Amino acid sequence: MELLPIFALGAILVETGLGRARGALHCFVKGLMALAVGTVIGFVGQDQSNALLCGTVALLATLGLGDRTTLSAATVIAATTSLVHKSLLILDRLVGVSTTEVFPGPLSAFKPVLNWLSSYWQPDQAFVWSVHTLAGGAALGALIAAGPRIGRYSRNGLPMAIPAHNLPLAVIGVFLIWLGLQGFSKSLWESATLCGFAALSTSFVWTKWRFGKVDPSFAITAFWAGLVGGLSIKGVAFSLALLVGIFSGAISIWVSLLLDKNFVDDPVGIVPAEGTAPLIGLTILWLSGSAPLGEGLVNWVLAFTAGLASTWLVCRVLTFFNLLRIHPMDELEGADLRLYGIAAYPEFEMREA
């Protein structure tokens, strides 16, 4: 857990680097705000050991929104996701003791449900469900409700490229994400490392074949997806871990393109990296016989759906009160100067590539 701040900093840098230069400072401040709110909520109930986890999932749920969301909206999204995270942790503990504990009278009606869950439930190792899957679903709900960035799609519905302003910064960020995962056991980190670099290699080949050129932004997403996919498998053979990495790299790109076709503007690739990657790991485990068919599926569906539904509802309420999106002029000209009085890159002219 002591390396989680490195992971969080990496996530912020990835979003900052892949966004617009004129919104770089806003991305950074928004990420710090979400991390702070989630961490404070994590301390509620004297649960200090999971406070940073709570802050991390709150941060991840707001990734990709930095160019278009107000700070107040990011705070509400972060708080909502933090509360869902704590609820999932409580449910995980209840399922774990459902077969051995005697339930009090008022709660005895829930015991059959928990007994059924325990037959398909996979313990939340490396917090794959309560952090990563939840964050992927929450980010998707927020991105759908917020809508795309101005200028992302033409009037004919065709996607328009908004180039990342600082790809080296994003690469440093994803490297820090990889480094931050060392906070878990050695075997888990080795699995994540193997899957991550296999996914990275796959993304180079895939984008070269698909677009004629290697796409660094997709490579960042694929590497991140491979890391998370590696966390979802438990000490399997080298060949299976390699398969998880290869499929994580390819499917993360496919999911990003699919979202783009459906007008979901996900500049960071947070949905495939955090949301779908654990499901890829689960599927490989089932097909190989390393895990019973269906084990962990309830975890994934519950976490992803809870994140998606909660943030989508909250964002709809924020939209009703006109609190979700920043002002269109601020989005076009850059929110940094008006909101903070300083730009992240004052020595450069702020314009689109």
Protein backbone atom coordinates (compact mmCIF):
# COMPACT_ATOMS: atom_id res chain seq x y z
CA MET A 1 0.00 0.00 0.00
CA GLU A 2 2.95 2.32 0.58
CA LEU A 3 3.47 2.58 -3.19
CA LEU A 4 -0.09 3.61 -3.99
CA PRO A 5 0.83 7.33 -4.14
CA ILE A 6 3.20 6.46 -7.00
CA PHE A 7 0.36 4.67 -8.80
CA ALA A 8 -1.94 7.66 -8.26
CA LEU A 9 0.66 10.14 -9.52
CA GLY A 10 1.16 7.97 -12.60
CA ALA A 11 -2.56 8.00 -13.35
CA ILE A 12 -2.67 11.80 -13.08
CA LEU A 13 0.33 12.17 -15.40
CA VAL A 14 -1.21 9.84 -17.99
CA GLU A 15 -4.37 11.94 -18.12
CA THR A 16 -2.43 15.19 -18.16
CA GLY A 17 -0.15 14.06 -20.98
CA LEU A 18 -2.93 12.64 -23.16
CA GLY A 19 -5.13 15.74 -22.84
CA ARG A 20 -4.91 19.23 -24.29
CA ALA A 21 -2.03 21.49 -23.30
CA ARG A 22 -4.44 24.27 -22.40
CA GLY A 23 -6.17 22.02 -19.84
CA ALA A 24 -3.10 20.35 -18.38
CA LEU A 25 -3.20 22.21 -15.07
CA HIS A 26 -6.93 21.60 -14.71
CA CYS A 27 -6.36 17.85 -15.22
CA PHE A 28 -3.74 17.85 -12.50
CA VAL A 29 -5.81 19.83 -10.01
CA LYS A 30 -8.91 17.75 -10.73
CA GLY A 31 -6.95 14.55 -10.12
CA LEU A 32 -5.53 15.80 -6.83
CA MET A 33 -8.99 16.95 -5.72
CA ALA A 34 -10.53 13.52 -6.46
CA LEU A 35 -7.67 11.75 -4.70
CA ALA A 36 -8.03 13.97 -1.63
CA VAL A 37 -11.80 13.56 -1.38
CA GLY A 38 -11.63 9.79 -1.77
CA THR A 39 -8.84 9.45 0.79
CA VAL A 40 -10.74 11.48 3.39
CA ILE A 41 -13.85 9.33 2.88
CA GLY A 42 -11.64 6.25 3.14
CA PHE A 43 -10.66 7.26 6.68
CA VAL A 44 -14.31 7.31 7.79
CA GLY A 45 -14.99 4.42 10.16
CA GLN A 46 -11.35 4.22 11.24
CA ASP A 47 -10.51 2.24 8.10
CA GLN A 48 -7.06 3.75 7.69
CA SER A 49 -5.59 0.74 5.89
CA ASN A 50 -7.90 1.26 2.90
CA ALA A 51 -7.95 5.06 2.85
CA LEU A 52 -5.45 5.38 -0.01
CA LEU A 53 -7.26 2.66 -1.95
CA CYS A 54 -10.45 4.65 -1.59
CA GLY A 55 -8.68 7.76 -2.84
CA THR A 56 -7.17 5.88 -5.77
CA VAL A 57 -10.48 4.51 -7.02
CA ALA A 58 -11.99 7.99 -6.69
CA LEU A 59 -9.17 9.38 -8.82
CA LEU A 60 -9.50 6.65 -11.45
CA ALA A 61 -13.25 7.24 -11.76
CA THR A 62 -12.64 10.83 -12.90
CA LEU A 63 -9.85 10.12 -15.40
CA GLY A 64 -10.58 11.38 -18.89
CA LEU A 65 -12.87 14.14 -17.63
CA GLY A 66 -10.18 16.74 -17.04
CA ASP A 67 -10.80 18.70 -20.24
CA ARG A 68 -14.53 19.10 -19.68
CA THR A 69 -15.59 18.71 -16.04
CA THR A 70 -15.80 21.24 -13.23
CA LEU A 71 -13.96 20.69 -9.97
CA SER A 72 -17.23 20.49 -8.06
CA ALA A 73 -18.48 17.73 -10.37
CA ALA A 74 -15.23 15.79 -9.99
CA THR A 75 -15.60 16.07 -6.22
CA VAL A 76 -19.13 14.62 -6.29
CA ILE A 77 -18.11 11.80 -8.67
CA ALA A 78 -15.11 10.98 -6.47
CA ALA A 79 -17.21 10.92 -3.29
CA THR A 80 -19.86 8.69 -4.89
CA THR A 81 -17.31 6.19 -6.19
CA SER A 82 -15.55 6.12 -2.81
CA LEU A 83 -18.77 5.18 -1.06
CA VAL A 84 -19.48 2.42 -3.59
CA HIS A 85 -15.92 1.15 -3.08
CA LYS A 86 -16.42 0.90 0.68
CA SER A 87 -19.72 -0.90 0.12
CA LEU A 88 -18.02 -3.48 -2.12
CA LEU A 89 -15.34 -4.08 0.50
CA ILE A 90 -18.03 -4.71 3.12
CA LEU A 91 -19.84 -7.12 0.78
CA ASP A 92 -16.58 -8.96 0.07
CA ARG A 93 -16.05 -9.48 3.78
CA LEU A 94 -19.64 -10.63 4.31
CA VAL A 95 -19.42 -13.18 1.50
CA GLY A 96 -16.16 -14.46 2.95
CA VAL A 97 -17.73 -15.28 6.32
CA SER A 98 -21.21 -16.29 5.13
CA THR A 99 -20.54 -20.02 5.33
CA THR A 100 -19.04 -19.99 8.83
CA GLU A 101 -20.75 -17.20 10.76
CA VAL A 102 -24.13 -17.43 12.49
CA PHE A 103 -26.22 -14.48 11.37
CA PRO A 104 -28.40 -12.50 13.79
CA GLY A 105 -32.15 -12.88 13.39
CA PRO A 106 -32.79 -9.70 11.36
CA LEU A 107 -30.00 -10.61 8.92
CA SER A 108 -30.65 -14.33 8.60
CA ALA A 109 -32.75 -13.80 5.45
CA PHE A 110 -29.61 -12.63 3.61
CA LYS A 111 -27.61 -15.76 4.43
CA PRO A 112 -28.97 -17.87 1.49
CA VAL A 113 -28.11 -15.04 -0.91
CA LEU A 114 -24.59 -14.77 0.50
CA ASN A 115 -24.20 -18.56 0.36
CA TRP A 116 -25.09 -18.49 -3.35
CA LEU A 117 -22.70 -15.61 -3.95
CA SER A 118 -19.87 -17.42 -2.20
CA SER A 119 -20.03 -20.28 -4.72
CA TYR A 120 -19.18 -17.88 -7.57
CA TRP A 121 -17.35 -15.16 -5.66
CA GLN A 122 -13.62 -14.69 -6.16
CA PRO A 123 -11.83 -13.03 -3.21
CA ASP A 124 -10.82 -9.46 -3.98
CA GLN A 125 -7.11 -10.11 -4.42
CA ALA A 126 -5.13 -7.00 -5.34
CA PHE A 127 -8.48 -5.18 -5.10
CA VAL A 128 -9.18 -5.99 -8.75
CA TRP A 129 -12.95 -5.74 -8.24
CA SER A 130 -13.42 -3.00 -5.66
CA VAL A 131 -10.85 -0.68 -7.28
CA HIS A 132 -10.05 -1.50 -10.91
CA THR A 133 -13.32 -2.94 -12.22
CA LEU A 134 -15.35 -0.41 -10.23
CA ALA A 135 -13.23 2.44 -11.60
CA GLY A 136 -13.68 1.24 -15.19
CA GLY A 137 -17.45 1.13 -14.83
CA ALA A 138 -17.58 4.45 -12.99
CA ALA A 139 -15.46 6.14 -15.65
CA LEU A 140 -17.73 4.81 -18.40
CA GLY A 141 -20.83 6.14 -16.66
CA ALA A 142 -19.25 9.56 -16.19
CA LEU A 143 -17.98 9.73 -19.77
CA ILE A 144 -21.38 8.80 -21.22
CA ALA A 145 -23.17 11.38 -19.10
CA ALA A 146 -20.61 14.13 -19.70
CA GLY A 147 -20.53 13.68 -23.46
CA PRO A 148 -17.54 14.18 -25.76
CA ARG A 149 -15.14 17.10 -25.76
CA ILE A 150 -16.04 20.01 -28.01
CA GLY A 151 -14.57 19.35 -31.43
CA ARG A 152 -14.12 15.63 -30.90
CA TYR A 153 -16.72 14.71 -33.54
CA SER A 154 -17.68 16.49 -36.74
CA ARG A 155 -21.24 17.38 -37.68
CA ASN A 156 -21.33 14.19 -39.75
CA GLY A 157 -20.49 12.14 -36.66
CA LEU A 158 -16.94 11.35 -37.74
CA PRO A 159 -14.29 11.32 -35.00
CA MET A 160 -11.78 14.17 -35.19
CA ALA A 161 -8.32 13.66 -33.76
CA ILE A 162 -7.39 15.72 -30.71
CA PRO A 163 -3.68 14.89 -30.37
CA ALA A 164 -2.13 14.29 -26.98
CA HIS A 165 -0.02 17.31 -26.13
CA ASN A 166 2.75 15.47 -24.22
CA LEU A 167 3.13 11.76 -24.92
CA PRO A 168 6.46 11.44 -23.02
CA LEU A 169 4.66 12.70 -19.90
CA ALA A 170 1.97 10.04 -20.38
CA VAL A 171 4.64 7.35 -20.85
CA ILE A 172 6.28 8.41 -17.58
CA GLY A 173 2.85 8.20 -15.95
CA VAL A 174 2.14 4.63 -17.08
CA PHE A 175 5.66 3.63 -16.00
CA LEU A 176 4.84 4.97 -12.51
CA ILE A 177 1.60 2.96 -12.55
CA TRP A 178 3.65 -0.16 -13.22
CA LEU A 179 6.11 0.78 -10.48
CA GLY A 180 3.29 1.45 -8.00
CA LEU A 181 1.94 -2.08 -8.42
CA GLN A 182 5.01 -3.39 -6.57
CA GLY A 183 3.02 -2.68 -3.41
CA PHE A 184 1.33 -6.05 -3.89
CA SER A 185 3.00 -9.44 -3.55
CA LYS A 186 6.02 -10.33 -5.67
CA SER A 187 4.12 -13.00 -7.61
CA LEU A 188 1.30 -10.61 -8.46
CA TRP A 189 3.72 -7.92 -9.62
CA GLU A 190 5.61 -10.42 -11.77
CA SER A 191 2.33 -11.56 -13.34
CA ALA A 192 1.28 -7.95 -13.99
CA THR A 193 4.71 -7.17 -15.48
CA LEU A 194 4.62 -10.12 -17.88
CA CYS A 195 1.07 -9.35 -19.01
CA GLY A 196 1.78 -5.63 -19.29
CA PHE A 197 4.79 -5.94 -21.56
CA ALA A 198 3.10 -8.66 -23.63
CA ALA A 199 0.17 -6.27 -24.12
CA LEU A 200 2.56 -3.45 -25.01
CA SER A 201 4.27 -5.58 -27.66
CA THR A 202 0.89 -6.63 -29.03
CA SER A 203 -0.23 -3.01 -29.32
CA PHE A 204 2.82 -2.13 -31.43
CA VAL A 205 2.07 -4.93 -33.89
CA TRP A 206 -1.69 -4.33 -33.88
CA THR A 207 -1.57 -0.57 -34.50
CA LYS A 208 1.14 -0.94 -37.15
CA TRP A 209 -1.11 -3.43 -38.98
CA ARG A 210 -4.32 -1.47 -38.36
CA PHE A 211 -3.16 2.10 -39.03
CA GLY A 212 0.14 1.68 -40.86
CA LYS A 213 1.95 3.39 -37.96
CA VAL A 214 2.58 2.57 -34.32
CA ASP A 215 0.16 4.55 -32.11
CA PRO A 216 1.79 5.52 -28.78
CA SER A 217 -1.50 6.50 -27.11
CA PHE A 218 -2.99 3.06 -27.79
CA ALA A 219 0.27 1.51 -26.57
CA ILE A 220 -0.14 3.31 -23.23
CA THR A 221 -3.71 2.04 -22.90
CA ALA A 222 -2.68 -1.51 -23.83
CA PHE A 223 0.20 -1.56 -21.32
CA TRP A 224 -2.13 -0.36 -18.56
CA ALA A 225 -4.74 -2.98 -19.52
CA GLY A 226 -2.11 -5.71 -19.48
CA LEU A 227 -1.00 -4.72 -15.98
CA VAL A 228 -4.57 -4.88 -14.62
CA GLY A 229 -5.26 -8.11 -16.49
CA GLY A 230 -2.18 -9.61 -14.87
CA LEU A 231 -3.48 -8.73 -11.41
CA SER A 232 -6.68 -10.70 -12.06
CA ILE A 233 -4.91 -14.05 -12.55
CA LYS A 234 -3.43 -16.09 -9.73
CA GLY A 235 0.01 -17.56 -10.31
CA VAL A 236 -0.83 -19.34 -13.55
CA ALA A 237 1.66 -20.78 -16.01
CA PHE A 238 3.78 -18.57 -18.20
CA SER A 239 1.83 -19.44 -21.36
CA LEU A 240 -1.51 -18.45 -19.81
CA ALA A 241 -0.14 -15.17 -18.46
CA LEU A 242 1.27 -14.45 -21.91
CA LEU A 243 -2.17 -15.07 -23.44
CA VAL A 244 -3.77 -12.65 -20.96
CA GLY A 245 -1.27 -9.99 -21.97
CA ILE A 246 -1.74 -10.54 -25.71
CA PHE A 247 -5.53 -10.47 -25.52
CA SER A 248 -5.51 -7.51 -23.12
CA GLY A 249 -3.44 -5.50 -25.58
CA ALA A 250 -5.59 -6.35 -28.60
CA ILE A 251 -8.99 -6.10 -26.93
CA SER A 252 -8.19 -2.82 -25.17
CA ILE A 253 -7.58 -1.20 -28.56
CA TRP A 254 -10.75 -2.78 -29.97
CA VAL A 255 -12.82 -1.51 -27.03
CA SER A 256 -11.36 2.00 -27.41
CA LEU A 257 -12.32 2.04 -31.11
CA LEU A 258 -15.79 0.66 -30.28
CA LEU A 259 -16.39 3.41 -27.71
CA ASP A 260 -15.23 6.00 -30.22
CA LYS A 261 -17.75 4.75 -32.77
CA ASN A 262 -20.49 5.17 -30.17
CA PHE A 263 -19.46 8.75 -29.31
CA VAL A 264 -17.92 7.90 -25.94
CA ASP A 265 -14.85 10.13 -25.74
CA ASP A 266 -12.31 8.29 -23.57
CA PRO A 267 -8.94 10.02 -24.16
CA VAL A 268 -7.13 8.03 -21.47
CA GLY A 269 -8.52 4.61 -22.39
CA ILE A 270 -9.54 4.14 -18.78
CA VAL A 271 -12.57 1.97 -19.60
CA PRO A 272 -10.65 -0.81 -21.40
CA ALA A 273 -7.61 -0.48 -19.14
CA GLU A 274 -9.50 -0.74 -15.86
CA GLY A 275 -12.93 -2.09 -16.77
CA THR A 276 -12.55 -4.83 -19.38
CA ALA A 277 -9.03 -6.07 -18.58
CA PRO A 278 -10.09 -8.04 -15.45
CA LEU A 279 -12.77 -9.82 -17.50
CA ILE A 280 -10.12 -10.88 -20.02
CA GLY A 281 -8.05 -12.42 -17.23
CA LEU A 282 -11.11 -14.24 -15.89
CA THR A 283 -12.02 -15.61 -19.30
CA ILE A 284 -8.53 -17.02 -19.89
CA LEU A 285 -8.68 -18.69 -16.46
CA TRP A 286 -12.02 -20.33 -17.30
CA LEU A 287 -10.98 -21.53 -20.74
CA SER A 288 -7.74 -23.00 -19.39
CA GLY A 289 -9.48 -24.75 -16.51
CA SER A 290 -7.43 -22.82 -13.94
CA ALA A 291 -10.66 -21.53 -12.36
CA PRO A 292 -14.23 -22.94 -12.31
CA LEU A 293 -16.46 -21.59 -15.06
CA GLY A 294 -18.26 -18.50 -13.78
CA GLU A 295 -16.05 -17.88 -10.75
CA GLY A 296 -15.46 -14.16 -10.41
CA LEU A 297 -18.10 -13.19 -12.99
CA VAL A 298 -20.46 -12.00 -10.26
CA ASN A 299 -17.65 -9.82 -8.89
CA TRP A 300 -17.01 -8.22 -12.26
CA VAL A 301 -20.66 -7.64 -13.18
CA LEU A 302 -21.54 -6.23 -9.76
CA ALA A 303 -18.52 -3.90 -9.53
CA PHE A 304 -18.74 -2.65 -13.12
CA THR A 305 -22.51 -2.12 -13.01
CA ALA A 306 -22.40 -0.42 -9.62
CA GLY A 307 -19.75 2.01 -10.83
CA LEU A 308 -21.49 2.74 -14.12
CA ALA A 309 -24.96 3.26 -12.63
CA SER A 310 -23.84 5.38 -9.67
CA THR A 311 -21.72 7.85 -11.63
CA TRP A 312 -24.20 8.07 -14.51
CA LEU A 313 -27.02 8.97 -12.12
CA VAL A 314 -24.90 11.49 -10.25
CA CYS A 315 -23.73 13.10 -13.49
CA ARG A 316 -27.31 13.37 -14.75
CA VAL A 317 -28.24 15.25 -11.58
CA LEU A 318 -25.20 17.50 -11.99
CA THR A 319 -26.19 18.15 -15.61
CA PHE A 320 -29.71 19.12 -14.53
CA PHE A 321 -28.23 21.82 -12.29
CA ASN A 322 -25.65 22.80 -14.96
CA LEU A 323 -22.75 21.80 -12.71
CA LEU A 324 -21.09 19.03 -14.73
CA ARG A 325 -19.35 20.64 -17.71
CA ILE A 326 -17.09 23.67 -17.64
CA HIS A 327 -18.17 26.66 -19.72
CA PRO A 328 -17.77 26.04 -23.49
CA MET A 329 -15.46 29.06 -23.86
CA ASP A 330 -13.26 27.75 -21.07
CA GLU A 331 -13.10 24.37 -22.77
CA LEU A 332 -12.18 25.90 -26.13
CA GLU A 333 -9.73 28.51 -24.88
CA GLY A 334 -8.44 26.59 -21.88
CA ALA A 335 -9.65 26.63 -18.29
CA ASP A 336 -6.23 27.05 -16.70
CA LEU A 337 -5.85 30.82 -16.92
CA ARG A 338 -9.39 31.72 -15.85
CA LEU A 339 -9.71 29.14 -13.07
CA TYR A 340 -6.18 29.24 -11.65
CA GLY A 341 -4.61 32.40 -13.02
CA ILE A 342 -1.70 30.50 -14.55
CA ALA A 343 -1.14 28.06 -17.41
CA ALA A 344 0.80 24.82 -17.12
CA TYR A 345 2.96 25.89 -20.09
CA PRO A 346 3.06 29.72 -20.04
CA GLU A 347 6.09 29.85 -22.31
CA PHE A 348 4.23 28.23 -25.19
CA GLU A 349 1.39 29.49 -27.33
CA MET A 350 -1.76 27.52 -26.47
CA ARG A 351 -3.16 26.18 -29.73
CA GLU A 352 -4.26 22.87 -31.22
CA ALA A 353 -1.74 20.78 -33.12
